[in-house]
């Protein structure tokens, strides 16, 4: 398969205004605090570490993930872009 270059306009059109991100870093780097800078009405936080106490004033929605079954449930409900269809 040949690689193709797409323009920023094409990429943005395909994204349909959606952004998905995962933020990783060492403890104390400010990952949770970064959440306070995101628009609450347009953001869903998947809380993997019970770390929402530091952002109690943030008014957005969150999903607490406390068990492996919770994680699987989210994985199955998340749209997949992988051509194999996993999970």
Protein backbone atom coordinates (compact mmCIF):
# COMPACT_ATOMS: atom_id res chain seq x y z
CA UNK A 1 0.00 0.00 0.00
CA UNK A 2 1.38 3.38 -0.97
CA UNK A 3 1.45 6.16 1.60
CA UNK A 4 -0.57 9.20 0.70
CA UNK A 5 -0.31 12.73 1.96
CA UNK A 6 -3.57 14.37 2.93
CA UNK A 7 -4.08 18.05 3.38
CA UNK A 8 -5.05 19.61 6.68
CA UNK A 9 -8.45 20.44 5.16
CA UNK A 10 -9.03 16.77 4.27
CA UNK A 11 -7.94 15.60 7.71
CA UNK A 12 -10.20 18.09 9.47
CA UNK A 13 -13.16 17.22 7.25
CA UNK A 14 -12.73 13.52 8.02
CA UNK A 15 -12.56 14.18 11.76
CA UNK A 16 -15.97 15.93 11.63
CA UNK A 17 -14.96 18.25 14.43
CA UNK A 18 -14.18 15.41 16.87
CA UNK A 19 -10.99 15.01 18.82
CA UNK A 20 -10.02 11.94 20.78
CA UNK A 21 -6.98 12.00 22.99
CA UNK A 22 -5.28 10.04 25.69
CA UNK A 23 -2.89 11.83 28.01
CA UNK A 24 -0.06 9.89 29.60
CA UNK A 25 2.72 11.06 31.89
CA UNK A 26 4.35 10.60 35.24
CA UNK A 27 2.60 11.33 38.50
CA UNK A 28 2.35 15.04 39.17
CA UNK A 29 2.80 16.10 35.54
CA UNK A 30 -0.63 17.78 35.43
CA UNK A 31 -2.63 15.29 33.37
CA UNK A 32 -5.78 15.61 35.49
CA UNK A 33 -5.42 19.37 35.84
CA UNK A 34 -5.33 19.63 32.05
CA UNK A 35 -8.92 18.42 32.08
CA UNK A 36 -10.00 21.75 33.59
CA UNK A 37 -8.88 23.51 30.41
CA UNK A 38 -11.22 21.46 28.19
CA UNK A 39 -14.81 22.52 27.40
CA UNK A 40 -17.03 20.57 29.82
CA UNK A 41 -20.00 20.43 27.43
CA UNK A 42 -17.91 18.72 24.73
CA UNK A 43 -15.67 16.49 26.85
CA UNK A 44 -16.17 13.05 28.35
CA UNK A 45 -13.47 12.01 30.81
CA UNK A 46 -12.77 8.30 31.21
CA UNK A 47 -11.46 8.16 34.77
CA UNK A 48 -9.02 5.25 35.00
CA UNK A 49 -7.30 6.14 38.27
CA UNK A 50 -9.96 7.61 40.56
CA UNK A 51 -8.24 10.94 40.09
CA UNK A 52 -11.25 13.25 39.78
CA UNK A 53 -10.94 14.70 43.30
CA UNK A 54 -8.46 17.31 42.08
CA UNK A 55 -10.94 18.55 39.45
CA UNK A 56 -14.15 18.53 41.51
CA UNK A 57 -15.08 21.96 40.16
CA UNK A 58 -15.03 20.74 36.54
CA UNK A 59 -18.63 20.34 35.36
CA UNK A 60 -18.14 17.79 32.57
CA UNK A 61 -19.25 14.17 32.50
CA UNK A 62 -17.00 11.27 33.41
CA UNK A 63 -17.06 7.49 33.38
CA UNK A 64 -15.34 5.81 36.34
CA UNK A 65 -13.46 2.66 35.32
CA UNK A 66 -12.72 0.54 38.37
CA UNK A 67 -12.72 -3.04 37.07
CA UNK A 68 -11.45 -4.92 34.06
CA UNK A 69 -15.09 -5.53 33.11
CA UNK A 70 -15.63 -1.73 33.05
CA UNK A 71 -12.63 -1.34 30.74
CA UNK A 72 -13.90 -4.04 28.40
CA UNK A 73 -17.34 -2.43 28.33
CA UNK A 74 -15.82 0.88 27.22
CA UNK A 75 -13.56 -0.83 24.67
CA UNK A 76 -16.54 -2.56 23.07
CA UNK A 77 -18.56 0.67 22.92
CA UNK A 78 -15.76 2.78 21.45
CA UNK A 79 -15.81 3.13 17.65
CA UNK A 80 -12.95 1.15 16.17
CA UNK A 81 -10.76 2.25 13.31
CA UNK A 82 -8.70 -0.92 13.28
CA UNK A 83 -9.35 -2.86 10.07
CA UNK A 84 -9.31 -6.17 11.95
CA UNK A 85 -12.34 -5.09 13.98
CA UNK A 86 -10.68 -5.83 17.32
CA UNK A 87 -11.78 -5.96 20.02
